C-alpha cells in the first residue's frame, strides 16, 4: 500500500505532461497541414503528395536502420494484407491532399471528425462488434452535424465535402487494417511502406508535370518534415504519460488551431453553421467515447467477478 500512493501521484503528474505533449503535437500537425496547403498554391496535388511522403520517409528509414536489424523490420508474414492496406492508404491520403488544395483547413478538419462514426460502422460490419443503440444514435446525430456544417443545396456543400467524407471512411478502414497488421508486423514497416508506395505510384504522373522547387520551398518542406517528426514524437510520448482515454477528447483541440490558421494565413472566417456543425459532430464523438468507456468498465467488472 505504501508504494501505491507515490506511484499514483507520479502517474497523475505525468498525465499532465501527457496532455501538454498531445496538445502540442496536434497543434504541430495542424501547422504542417497549413504549410502543405500553402505549397499546393504552386505545385500540383501529385507533386505535393510525393514530396510529403518523401519528407516523412527519411526519418522513418533512419530510425529503421539505426535499430541495426533492417531485415527484421521489413520482413512480413502477410504481404496480401499489406497490399490491401496500402491501396486503402493511398486513396485515403490522396483524398485529404486533394481536399486541402480546394477547401479551407476548417472545412477539411470539421468533416474529418466524422472518422469515429465510420469506425463504429466498420467495427460492426468487419469486426462483428456489438454496437449499442446509444452509439448508433450518436452516429445519426453526428451526420446531422455534417448537414448543418455544409448546408447542401445552398452552394456551401462543395466537392471537398464528399472528398473528405470519403477520406474519413477510408481512414477508418485504414486503421482497422493497421490493427490487424500490428499483431505480426513491425510498427516501422507499417509506417514506411505507405510512403514508399505513394512515391512509386505517383512517380509516373510526375514525369511530365514536375516543377522545379525553389530553395525557399525546399526550406518549407524541411520545416514540414521537422514539424511532422516533432508532432509524431510528442504524440507518441504523450501516450507514455497518460492513458489513451484521457487523451482522446483532446483530438478536437485541433479545430481551434485550424480556425486560427485559416484566419491569420488565408483570412478565412468560418460561418456560424460550420462552427455549429463542428460542435454537434464533436459532441457526438465525445458521447461515443463516453459509452465506450462505460462498456469497457462493465466488461472489466464482469471479468473480475
C-alpha atoms as a PDB file:
ATOM      1  CA  UNK A   1       0.000   0.000   0.000  1.00  0.00           C
ATOM      2  CA  UNK A   2       2.818   2.380   0.828  1.00  0.00           C
ATOM      3  CA  UNK A   3       4.282   2.104  -2.681  1.00  0.00           C
ATOM      4  CA  UNK A   4       0.935   2.544  -4.431  1.00  0.00           C
ATOM      5  CA  UNK A   5       0.380   6.143  -3.457  1.00  0.00           C
ATOM      6  CA  UNK A   6       3.702   7.532  -4.705  1.00  0.00           C
ATOM      7  CA  UNK A   7       3.232   5.639  -7.946  1.00  0.00           C
ATOM      8  CA  UNK A   8      -0.252   7.038  -8.455  1.00  0.00           C
ATOM      9  CA  UNK A   9       0.998  10.559  -7.738  1.00  0.00           C
ATOM     10  CA  UNK A  10       3.764  10.101 -10.302  1.00  0.00           C
ATOM     11  CA  UNK A  11       1.298   8.883 -12.898  1.00  0.00           C
ATOM     12  CA  UNK A  12      -1.003  11.803 -12.217  1.00  0.00           C
ATOM     13  CA  UNK A  13       1.816  14.310 -12.668  1.00  0.00           C
ATOM     14  CA  UNK A  14       2.932  12.556 -15.853  1.00  0.00           C
ATOM     15  CA  UNK A  15      -0.649  12.605 -17.120  1.00  0.00           C
ATOM     16  CA  UNK A  16      -0.487  16.409 -17.092  1.00  0.00           C
ATOM     17  CA  UNK A  17       2.710  16.223 -19.129  1.00  0.00           C
ATOM     18  CA  UNK A  18       0.987  13.785 -21.491  1.00  0.00           C
ATOM     19  CA  UNK A  19      -1.880  16.223 -22.028  1.00  0.00           C
ATOM     20  CA  UNK A  20       0.592  19.030 -22.738  1.00  0.00           C
ATOM     21  CA  UNK A  21       2.507  16.892 -25.254  1.00  0.00           C
ATOM     22  CA  UNK A  22      -0.692  15.788 -27.005  1.00  0.00           C
ATOM     23  CA  UNK A  23      -1.926  19.376 -27.355  1.00  0.00           C
ATOM     24  CA  UNK A  24       1.448  20.449 -28.715  1.00  0.00           C
ATOM     25  CA  UNK A  25       1.633  17.527 -31.142  1.00  0.00           C
ATOM     26  CA  UNK A  26      -1.842  18.207 -32.518  1.00  0.00           C
ATOM     27  CA  UNK A  27      -1.015  21.894 -32.968  1.00  0.00           C
ATOM     28  CA  UNK A  28       2.118  20.953 -34.929  1.00  0.00           C
ATOM     29  CA  UNK A  29       0.121  18.627 -37.192  1.00  0.00           C
ATOM     30  CA  UNK A  30      -2.325  21.428 -37.990  1.00  0.00           C
ATOM     31  CA  UNK A  31       0.613  23.739 -38.739  1.00  0.00           C
ATOM     32  CA  UNK A  32       2.219  21.163 -41.066  1.00  0.00           C
ATOM     33  CA  UNK A  33      -1.085  20.856 -42.952  1.00  0.00           C
ATOM     34  CA  UNK A  34      -1.112  24.642 -43.349  1.00  0.00           C
ATOM     35  CA  UNK A  35       2.387  24.545 -44.862  1.00  0.00           C
ATOM     36  CA  UNK A  36       1.330  21.775 -47.263  1.00  0.00           C
ATOM     37  CA  UNK A  37      -1.770  23.730 -48.285  1.00  0.00           C
ATOM     38  CA  UNK A  38       0.421  26.767 -48.964  1.00  0.00           C
ATOM     39  CA  UNK A  39       2.713  24.701 -51.198  1.00  0.00           C
ATOM     40  CA  UNK A  40      -0.301  23.492 -53.173  1.00  0.00           C
ATOM     41  CA  UNK A  41      -0.712  27.020 -54.458  1.00  0.00           C
ATOM     42  CA  UNK A  42       2.424  26.401 -56.535  1.00  0.00           C
ATOM     43  CA  UNK A  43       2.711  22.646 -57.025  1.00  0.00           C
ATOM     44  CA  UNK A  44       0.244  20.015 -58.185  1.00  0.00           C
ATOM     45  CA  UNK A  45      -1.512  17.727 -55.741  1.00  0.00           C
ATOM     46  CA  UNK A  46       0.568  14.828 -57.067  1.00  0.00           C
ATOM     47  CA  UNK A  47       3.888  16.594 -56.544  1.00  0.00           C
ATOM     48  CA  UNK A  48       2.955  17.943 -53.105  1.00  0.00           C
ATOM     49  CA  UNK A  49       1.809  14.466 -52.031  1.00  0.00           C
ATOM     50  CA  UNK A  50       5.020  12.920 -53.367  1.00  0.00           C
ATOM     51  CA  UNK A  51       7.168  15.450 -51.507  1.00  0.00           C
ATOM     52  CA  UNK A  52       5.180  14.960 -48.313  1.00  0.00           C
ATOM     53  CA  UNK A  53       5.786  11.206 -48.472  1.00  0.00           C
ATOM     54  CA  UNK A  54       9.484  11.836 -49.176  1.00  0.00           C
ATOM     55  CA  UNK A  55       9.958  14.128 -46.163  1.00  0.00           C
ATOM     56  CA  UNK A  56       8.212  11.608 -43.913  1.00  0.00           C
ATOM     57  CA  UNK A  57      10.158   8.656 -45.278  1.00  0.00           C
ATOM     58  CA  UNK A  58      13.635   9.984 -44.468  1.00  0.00           C
ATOM     59  CA  UNK A  59      13.366   9.993 -40.630  1.00  0.00           C
ATOM     60  CA  UNK A  60      11.491   6.672 -40.685  1.00  0.00           C
ATOM     61  CA  UNK A  61      14.249   4.974 -42.703  1.00  0.00           C
ATOM     62  CA  UNK A  62      16.905   6.430 -40.419  1.00  0.00           C
ATOM     63  CA  UNK A  63      15.026   5.017 -37.420  1.00  0.00           C
ATOM     64  CA  UNK A  64      14.753   1.602 -39.112  1.00  0.00           C
ATOM     65  CA  UNK A  65      18.464   1.326 -39.921  1.00  0.00           C
ATOM     66  CA  UNK A  66      19.533   2.724 -36.538  1.00  0.00           C
ATOM     67  CA  UNK A  67      17.935  -0.336 -34.972  1.00  0.00           C
ATOM     68  CA  UNK A  68      20.567  -2.464 -36.732  1.00  0.00           C
ATOM     69  CA  UNK A  69      18.061  -5.090 -37.871  1.00  0.00           C
ATOM     70  CA  UNK A  70      16.522  -3.603 -41.002  1.00  0.00           C
ATOM     71  CA  UNK A  71      15.704  -7.061 -42.412  1.00  0.00           C
ATOM     72  CA  UNK A  72      13.671  -7.908 -39.306  1.00  0.00           C
ATOM     73  CA  UNK A  73      11.845  -4.585 -39.580  1.00  0.00           C
ATOM     74  CA  UNK A  74      10.790  -5.071 -43.206  1.00  0.00           C
ATOM     75  CA  UNK A  75      10.062  -8.790 -43.034  1.00  0.00           C
ATOM     76  CA  UNK A  76       6.364  -9.567 -43.400  1.00  0.00           C
ATOM     77  CA  UNK A  77       4.207 -12.603 -42.831  1.00  0.00           C
ATOM     78  CA  UNK A  78       1.168 -11.157 -44.581  1.00  0.00           C
ATOM     79  CA  UNK A  79       2.071  -9.446 -47.886  1.00  0.00           C
ATOM     80  CA  UNK A  80      -1.530  -9.561 -49.120  1.00  0.00           C
ATOM     81  CA  UNK A  81      -2.727  -7.722 -46.019  1.00  0.00           C
ATOM     82  CA  UNK A  82      -0.059  -5.101 -46.612  1.00  0.00           C
ATOM     83  CA  UNK A  83      -1.145  -4.663 -50.229  1.00  0.00           C
ATOM     84  CA  UNK A  84      -4.800  -4.245 -49.249  1.00  0.00           C
ATOM     85  CA  UNK A  85      -3.884  -1.720 -46.582  1.00  0.00           C
ATOM     86  CA  UNK A  86      -1.543   0.151 -48.946  1.00  0.00           C
ATOM     87  CA  UNK A  87      -4.308   0.537 -51.538  1.00  0.00           C
ATOM     88  CA  UNK A  88      -6.672   1.950 -48.928  1.00  0.00           C
ATOM     89  CA  UNK A  89      -3.964   4.200 -47.501  1.00  0.00           C
ATOM     90  CA  UNK A  90      -3.100   5.610 -50.932  1.00  0.00           C
ATOM     91  CA  UNK A  91      -6.721   6.539 -51.621  1.00  0.00           C
ATOM     92  CA  UNK A  92      -7.167   7.928 -48.102  1.00  0.00           C
ATOM     93  CA  UNK A  93      -4.047  10.107 -48.216  1.00  0.00           C
ATOM     94  CA  UNK A  94      -4.708  11.417 -51.709  1.00  0.00           C
ATOM     95  CA  UNK A  95      -8.315  12.275 -50.796  1.00  0.00           C
ATOM     96  CA  UNK A  96      -7.195  14.545 -47.988  1.00  0.00           C
ATOM     97  CA  UNK A  97      -4.353  16.087 -50.004  1.00  0.00           C
ATOM     98  CA  UNK A  98      -6.803  16.913 -52.791  1.00  0.00           C
ATOM     99  CA  UNK A  99      -9.253  18.346 -50.261  1.00  0.00           C
ATOM    100  CA  UNK A 100      -6.511  20.595 -48.846  1.00  0.00           C
ATOM    101  CA  UNK A 101      -5.995  22.001 -52.355  1.00  0.00           C
ATOM    102  CA  UNK A 102      -9.638  23.048 -52.834  1.00  0.00           C
ATOM    103  CA  UNK A 103     -11.024  23.749 -49.354  1.00  0.00           C
ATOM    104  CA  UNK A 104     -10.167  25.560 -46.144  1.00  0.00           C
ATOM    105  CA  UNK A 105      -8.450  23.782 -43.272  1.00  0.00           C
ATOM    106  CA  UNK A 106     -11.564  24.322 -41.143  1.00  0.00           C
ATOM    107  CA  UNK A 107     -13.774  22.560 -43.694  1.00  0.00           C
ATOM    108  CA  UNK A 108     -11.412  19.606 -44.012  1.00  0.00           C
ATOM    109  CA  UNK A 109     -10.937  19.157 -40.267  1.00  0.00           C
ATOM    110  CA  UNK A 110     -14.659  19.570 -39.484  1.00  0.00           C
ATOM    111  CA  UNK A 111     -15.627  16.749 -41.824  1.00  0.00           C
ATOM    112  CA  UNK A 112     -12.609  14.637 -40.885  1.00  0.00           C
ATOM    113  CA  UNK A 113     -14.086  14.455 -37.377  1.00  0.00           C
ATOM    114  CA  UNK A 114     -16.661  12.027 -38.809  1.00  0.00           C
ATOM    115  CA  UNK A 115     -13.997   9.304 -38.695  1.00  0.00           C
ATOM    116  CA  UNK A 116     -15.288   7.820 -35.385  1.00  0.00           C
ATOM    117  CA  UNK A 117     -18.724   7.349 -36.971  1.00  0.00           C
ATOM    118  CA  UNK A 118     -17.206   5.253 -39.736  1.00  0.00           C
ATOM    119  CA  UNK A 119     -15.185   3.347 -37.138  1.00  0.00           C
ATOM    120  CA  UNK A 120     -18.461   2.357 -35.451  1.00  0.00           C
ATOM    121  CA  UNK A 121     -19.933   1.227 -38.774  1.00  0.00           C
ATOM    122  CA  UNK A 122     -16.843  -0.712 -39.822  1.00  0.00           C
ATOM    123  CA  UNK A 123     -16.370  -2.285 -36.394  1.00  0.00           C
ATOM    124  CA  UNK A 124     -19.925  -3.612 -36.550  1.00  0.00           C
ATOM    125  CA  UNK A 125     -19.508  -4.844 -40.125  1.00  0.00           C
ATOM    126  CA  UNK A 126     -15.918  -6.131 -40.289  1.00  0.00           C
ATOM    127  CA  UNK A 127     -15.073  -6.945 -36.669  1.00  0.00           C
ATOM    128  CA  UNK A 128     -18.592  -8.114 -35.770  1.00  0.00           C
ATOM    129  CA  UNK A 129     -18.578  -5.928 -32.659  1.00  0.00           C
ATOM    130  CA  UNK A 130     -21.827  -5.226 -30.860  1.00  0.00           C
ATOM    131  CA  UNK A 131     -22.809  -1.570 -31.159  1.00  0.00           C
ATOM    132  CA  UNK A 132     -25.249  -0.165 -28.627  1.00  0.00           C
ATOM    133  CA  UNK A 133     -28.337   1.800 -29.591  1.00  0.00           C
ATOM    134  CA  UNK A 134     -26.805   4.876 -27.968  1.00  0.00           C
ATOM    135  CA  UNK A 135     -23.803   4.748 -30.293  1.00  0.00           C
ATOM    136  CA  UNK A 136     -25.995   4.352 -33.361  1.00  0.00           C
ATOM    137  CA  UNK A 137     -27.994   7.371 -32.189  1.00  0.00           C
ATOM    138  CA  UNK A 138     -24.765   9.353 -31.784  1.00  0.00           C
ATOM    139  CA  UNK A 139     -23.755   8.451 -35.343  1.00  0.00           C
ATOM    140  CA  UNK A 140     -27.116   9.731 -36.606  1.00  0.00           C
ATOM    141  CA  UNK A 141     -26.805  12.985 -34.667  1.00  0.00           C
ATOM    142  CA  UNK A 142     -23.255  13.423 -35.924  1.00  0.00           C
ATOM    143  CA  UNK A 143     -24.394  13.132 -39.524  1.00  0.00           C
ATOM    144  CA  UNK A 144     -26.956  15.840 -38.805  1.00  0.00           C
ATOM    145  CA  UNK A 145     -23.970  17.940 -37.729  1.00  0.00           C
ATOM    146  CA  UNK A 146     -22.406  17.331 -41.163  1.00  0.00           C
ATOM    147  CA  UNK A 147     -25.577  18.586 -42.850  1.00  0.00           C
ATOM    148  CA  UNK A 148     -25.643  21.667 -40.594  1.00  0.00           C
ATOM    149  CA  UNK A 149     -21.992  22.447 -41.322  1.00  0.00           C
ATOM    150  CA  UNK A 150     -22.211  22.055 -45.095  1.00  0.00           C
ATOM    151  CA  UNK A 151     -25.862  23.027 -45.794  1.00  0.00           C
ATOM    152  CA  UNK A 152     -26.475  21.030 -49.010  1.00  0.00           C
ATOM    153  CA  UNK A 153     -28.449  22.980 -51.593  1.00  0.00           C
ATOM    154  CA  UNK A 154     -27.090  26.379 -50.563  1.00  0.00           C
ATOM    155  CA  UNK A 155     -23.863  26.219 -52.551  1.00  0.00           C
ATOM    156  CA  UNK A 156     -21.815  25.591 -49.413  1.00  0.00           C
ATOM    157  CA  UNK A 157     -21.883  21.820 -49.901  1.00  0.00           C
ATOM    158  CA  UNK A 158     -18.758  21.802 -52.007  1.00  0.00           C
ATOM    159  CA  UNK A 159     -16.982  18.945 -53.741  1.00  0.00           C
ATOM    160  CA  UNK A 160     -14.484  18.956 -50.895  1.00  0.00           C
ATOM    161  CA  UNK A 161     -17.202  17.701 -48.535  1.00  0.00           C
ATOM    162  CA  UNK A 162     -17.680  14.485 -50.489  1.00  0.00           C
ATOM    163  CA  UNK A 163     -13.920  14.028 -50.869  1.00  0.00           C
ATOM    164  CA  UNK A 164     -13.258  14.455 -47.142  1.00  0.00           C
ATOM    165  CA  UNK A 165     -16.145  12.177 -46.141  1.00  0.00           C
ATOM    166  CA  UNK A 166     -14.771   9.517 -48.489  1.00  0.00           C
ATOM    167  CA  UNK A 167     -11.322  10.106 -46.998  1.00  0.00           C
ATOM    168  CA  UNK A 168     -12.672   9.803 -43.450  1.00  0.00           C
ATOM    169  CA  UNK A 169     -14.264   6.466 -44.341  1.00  0.00           C
ATOM    170  CA  UNK A 170     -11.049   5.214 -45.934  1.00  0.00           C
ATOM    171  CA  UNK A 171      -9.044   6.484 -42.962  1.00  0.00           C
ATOM    172  CA  UNK A 172     -11.212   4.466 -40.592  1.00  0.00           C
ATOM    173  CA  UNK A 173     -10.826   1.378 -42.776  1.00  0.00           C
ATOM    174  CA  UNK A 174      -7.076   2.027 -42.823  1.00  0.00           C
ATOM    175  CA  UNK A 175      -6.976   1.998 -39.004  1.00  0.00           C
ATOM    176  CA  UNK A 176      -8.770  -1.339 -38.829  1.00  0.00           C
ATOM    177  CA  UNK A 177      -6.382  -2.867 -41.370  1.00  0.00           C
ATOM    178  CA  UNK A 178      -3.444  -1.444 -39.394  1.00  0.00           C
ATOM    179  CA  UNK A 179      -4.747  -3.084 -36.215  1.00  0.00           C
ATOM    180  CA  UNK A 180      -4.700  -6.453 -37.945  1.00  0.00           C
ATOM    181  CA  UNK A 181      -1.146  -5.912 -39.192  1.00  0.00           C
ATOM    182  CA  UNK A 182       0.094  -4.683 -35.805  1.00  0.00           C
ATOM    183  CA  UNK A 183      -0.329  -8.181 -34.387  1.00  0.00           C
ATOM    184  CA  UNK A 184       2.531  -9.564 -36.502  1.00  0.00           C
ATOM    185  CA  UNK A 185       4.304  -6.696 -38.313  1.00  0.00           C
ATOM    186  CA  UNK A 186       6.881  -4.173 -37.128  1.00  0.00           C
ATOM    187  CA  UNK A 187       5.420  -0.725 -36.467  1.00  0.00           C
ATOM    188  CA  UNK A 188       8.135   0.966 -38.543  1.00  0.00           C
ATOM    189  CA  UNK A 189       7.288  -1.230 -41.538  1.00  0.00           C
ATOM    190  CA  UNK A 190       3.626  -0.280 -41.182  1.00  0.00           C
ATOM    191  CA  UNK A 191       4.667   3.381 -41.297  1.00  0.00           C
ATOM    192  CA  UNK A 192       7.315   3.105 -44.042  1.00  0.00           C
ATOM    193  CA  UNK A 193       5.533   1.008 -46.675  1.00  0.00           C
ATOM    194  CA  UNK A 194       2.714   3.542 -47.381  1.00  0.00           C
ATOM    195  CA  UNK A 195       5.205   6.348 -48.056  1.00  0.00           C
ATOM    196  CA  UNK A 196       7.232   4.147 -50.423  1.00  0.00           C
ATOM    197  CA  UNK A 197       4.061   3.017 -52.196  1.00  0.00           C
ATOM    198  CA  UNK A 198       2.841   6.607 -52.536  1.00  0.00           C
ATOM    199  CA  UNK A 199       6.106   7.687 -54.161  1.00  0.00           C
ATOM    200  CA  UNK A 200       6.122   4.719 -56.564  1.00  0.00           C
ATOM    201  CA  UNK A 201       2.515   5.223 -57.640  1.00  0.00           C
ATOM    202  CA  UNK A 202       2.876   8.975 -58.185  1.00  0.00           C
ATOM    203  CA  UNK A 203       6.272   8.891 -59.934  1.00  0.00           C
ATOM    204  CA  UNK A 204       4.883   8.208 -63.464  1.00  0.00           C
ATOM    205  CA  UNK A 205       2.486  11.164 -63.143  1.00  0.00           C
ATOM    206  CA  UNK A 206       5.371  13.490 -62.307  1.00  0.00           C
ATOM    207  CA  UNK A 207       7.493  12.724 -65.373  1.00  0.00           C
ATOM    208  CA  UNK A 208       5.735  15.442 -67.385  1.00  0.00           C
ATOM    209  CA  UNK A 209       4.299  17.656 -64.629  1.00  0.00           C
ATOM    210  CA  UNK A 210       7.232  18.026 -62.220  1.00  0.00           C
ATOM    211  CA  UNK A 211       8.023  21.641 -61.380  1.00  0.00           C
ATOM    212  CA  UNK A 212      11.437  22.707 -60.177  1.00  0.00           C
ATOM    213  CA  UNK A 213      11.446  23.503 -56.480  1.00  0.00           C
ATOM    214  CA  UNK A 214      12.896  26.789 -55.297  1.00  0.00           C
ATOM    215  CA  UNK A 215      15.305  26.996 -52.382  1.00  0.00           C
ATOM    216  CA  UNK A 216      12.586  28.795 -50.454  1.00  0.00           C
ATOM    217  CA  UNK A 217      10.142  25.927 -50.942  1.00  0.00           C
ATOM    218  CA  UNK A 218      12.778  23.336 -50.043  1.00  0.00           C
ATOM    219  CA  UNK A 219      13.016  25.243 -46.780  1.00  0.00           C
ATOM    220  CA  UNK A 220       9.231  24.935 -46.446  1.00  0.00           C
ATOM    221  CA  UNK A 221       9.489  21.182 -46.995  1.00  0.00           C
ATOM    222  CA  UNK A 222      12.286  20.876 -44.449  1.00  0.00           C
ATOM    223  CA  UNK A 223      10.093  22.711 -41.935  1.00  0.00           C
ATOM    224  CA  UNK A 224       7.208  20.330 -42.715  1.00  0.00           C
ATOM    225  CA  UNK A 225       9.498  17.355 -42.082  1.00  0.00           C
ATOM    226  CA  UNK A 226      10.721  18.761 -38.766  1.00  0.00           C
ATOM    227  CA  UNK A 227       7.231  19.774 -37.646  1.00  0.00           C
ATOM    228  CA  UNK A 228       5.714  16.402 -38.576  1.00  0.00           C
ATOM    229  CA  UNK A 229       8.507  14.431 -36.889  1.00  0.00           C
ATOM    230  CA  UNK A 230       8.247  16.575 -33.752  1.00  0.00           C
ATOM    231  CA  UNK A 231       4.459  16.194 -33.710  1.00  0.00           C
ATOM    232  CA  UNK A 232       4.721  12.417 -34.070  1.00  0.00           C
ATOM    233  CA  UNK A 233       7.313  12.298 -31.280  1.00  0.00           C
ATOM    234  CA  UNK A 234       5.179  14.441 -28.958  1.00  0.00           C
ATOM    235  CA  UNK A 235       2.029  12.382 -29.551  1.00  0.00           C
ATOM    236  CA  UNK A 236       3.884   9.061 -29.156  1.00  0.00           C
ATOM    237  CA  UNK A 237       5.353  10.185 -25.833  1.00  0.00           C
ATOM    238  CA  UNK A 238       2.060  11.619 -24.613  1.00  0.00           C
ATOM    239  CA  UNK A 239       0.728   8.051 -24.641  1.00  0.00           C
ATOM    240  CA  UNK A 240       3.560   7.043 -22.321  1.00  0.00           C
ATOM    241  CA  UNK A 241       2.494   9.567 -19.720  1.00  0.00           C
ATOM    242  CA  UNK A 242      -1.309   9.431 -19.955  1.00  0.00           C
ATOM    243  CA  UNK A 243      -3.990   6.903 -20.844  1.00  0.00           C
ATOM    244  CA  UNK A 244      -5.481   6.948 -24.320  1.00  0.00           C
ATOM    245  CA  UNK A 245      -8.954   7.515 -22.882  1.00  0.00           C
ATOM    246  CA  UNK A 246      -7.664  10.675 -21.191  1.00  0.00           C
ATOM    247  CA  UNK A 247      -6.073  11.996 -24.359  1.00  0.00           C
ATOM    248  CA  UNK A 248      -8.776  11.044 -26.877  1.00  0.00           C
ATOM    249  CA  UNK A 249     -11.025  14.111 -26.338  1.00  0.00           C
ATOM    250  CA  UNK A 250      -8.023  16.373 -26.955  1.00  0.00           C
ATOM    251  CA  UNK A 251      -8.108  15.457 -30.656  1.00  0.00           C
ATOM    252  CA  UNK A 252     -10.692  18.179 -31.129  1.00  0.00           C
ATOM    253  CA  UNK A 253      -8.358  20.922 -29.893  1.00  0.00           C
ATOM    254  CA  UNK A 254      -7.027  20.906 -33.467  1.00  0.00           C
ATOM    255  CA  UNK A 255     -10.225  22.717 -34.528  1.00  0.00           C
ATOM    256  CA  UNK A 256      -9.064  25.796 -32.619  1.00  0.00           C
ATOM    257  CA  UNK A 257      -5.697  25.745 -34.399  1.00  0.00           C
ATOM    258  CA  UNK A 258      -7.094  25.320 -37.912  1.00  0.00           C
ATOM    259  CA  UNK A 259      -9.589  28.146 -37.377  1.00  0.00           C
ATOM    260  CA  UNK A 260      -6.733  30.398 -36.227  1.00  0.00           C
ATOM    261  CA  UNK A 261      -4.516  29.337 -39.132  1.00  0.00           C
ATOM    262  CA  UNK A 262      -7.317  29.879 -41.647  1.00  0.00           C
ATOM    263  CA  UNK A 263      -7.911  33.348 -40.251  1.00  0.00           C
ATOM    264  CA  UNK A 264      -4.330  34.600 -39.936  1.00  0.00           C
ATOM    265  CA  UNK A 265      -2.895  32.830 -43.011  1.00  0.00           C
ATOM    266  CA  UNK A 266      -5.758  32.995 -45.555  1.00  0.00           C
ATOM    267  CA  UNK A 267      -8.190  35.433 -43.896  1.00  0.00           C
ATOM    268  CA  UNK A 268     -10.924  32.767 -43.844  1.00  0.00           C
ATOM    269  CA  UNK A 269     -13.538  33.036 -41.101  1.00  0.00           C
ATOM    270  CA  UNK A 270     -15.853  30.020 -40.544  1.00  0.00           C
ATOM    271  CA  UNK A 271     -19.546  30.896 -40.515  1.00  0.00           C
ATOM    272  CA  UNK A 272     -21.858  30.030 -37.622  1.00  0.00           C
ATOM    273  CA  UNK A 273     -23.253  26.993 -39.472  1.00  0.00           C
ATOM    274  CA  UNK A 274     -19.813  25.435 -39.777  1.00  0.00           C
ATOM    275  CA  UNK A 275     -18.998  26.083 -36.126  1.00  0.00           C
ATOM    276  CA  UNK A 276     -22.385  24.720 -35.015  1.00  0.00           C
ATOM    277  CA  UNK A 277     -21.978  21.642 -37.207  1.00  0.00           C
ATOM    278  CA  UNK A 278     -18.496  21.027 -35.817  1.00  0.00           C
ATOM    279  CA  UNK A 279     -19.860  21.344 -32.268  1.00  0.00           C
ATOM    280  CA  UNK A 280     -22.569  18.734 -32.981  1.00  0.00           C
ATOM    281  CA  UNK A 281     -20.051  16.341 -34.571  1.00  0.00           C
ATOM    282  CA  UNK A 282     -17.582  16.702 -31.681  1.00  0.00           C
ATOM    283  CA  UNK A 283     -20.336  16.272 -29.060  1.00  0.00           C
ATOM    284  CA  UNK A 284     -21.480  13.078 -30.802  1.00  0.00           C
ATOM    285  CA  UNK A 285     -17.923  11.749 -30.856  1.00  0.00           C
ATOM    286  CA  UNK A 286     -17.452  12.507 -27.160  1.00  0.00           C
ATOM    287  CA  UNK A 287     -20.681  10.640 -26.394  1.00  0.00           C
ATOM    288  CA  UNK A 288     -19.399   7.625 -28.346  1.00  0.00           C
ATOM    289  CA  UNK A 289     -16.190   7.814 -26.293  1.00  0.00           C
ATOM    290  CA  UNK A 290     -18.186   8.051 -23.067  1.00  0.00           C
ATOM    291  CA  UNK A 291     -20.299   4.999 -23.963  1.00  0.00           C
ATOM    292  CA  UNK A 292     -17.159   3.070 -24.945  1.00  0.00           C
ATOM    293  CA  UNK A 293     -15.628   3.779 -21.536  1.00  0.00           C
ATOM    294  CA  UNK A 294     -18.815   2.633 -19.810  1.00  0.00           C
ATOM    295  CA  UNK A 295     -18.867  -0.604 -21.801  1.00  0.00           C
ATOM    296  CA  UNK A 296     -15.193  -1.269 -21.010  1.00  0.00           C
ATOM    297  CA  UNK A 297     -15.843  -0.699 -17.305  1.00  0.00           C
ATOM    298  CA  UNK A 298     -18.749  -3.169 -17.379  1.00  0.00           C
ATOM    299  CA  UNK A 299     -16.589  -5.769 -19.161  1.00  0.00           C
ATOM    300  CA  UNK A 300     -13.764  -5.354 -16.623  1.00  0.00           C
ATOM    301  CA  UNK A 301     -16.211  -5.695 -13.744  1.00  0.00           C
ATOM    302  CA  UNK A 302     -17.622  -8.876 -15.287  1.00  0.00           C
ATOM    303  CA  UNK A 303     -14.130 -10.361 -15.647  1.00  0.00           C
ATOM    304  CA  UNK A 304     -13.087  -9.569 -12.058  1.00  0.00           C
ATOM    305  CA  UNK A 305     -16.289 -11.038 -10.648  1.00  0.00           C
END
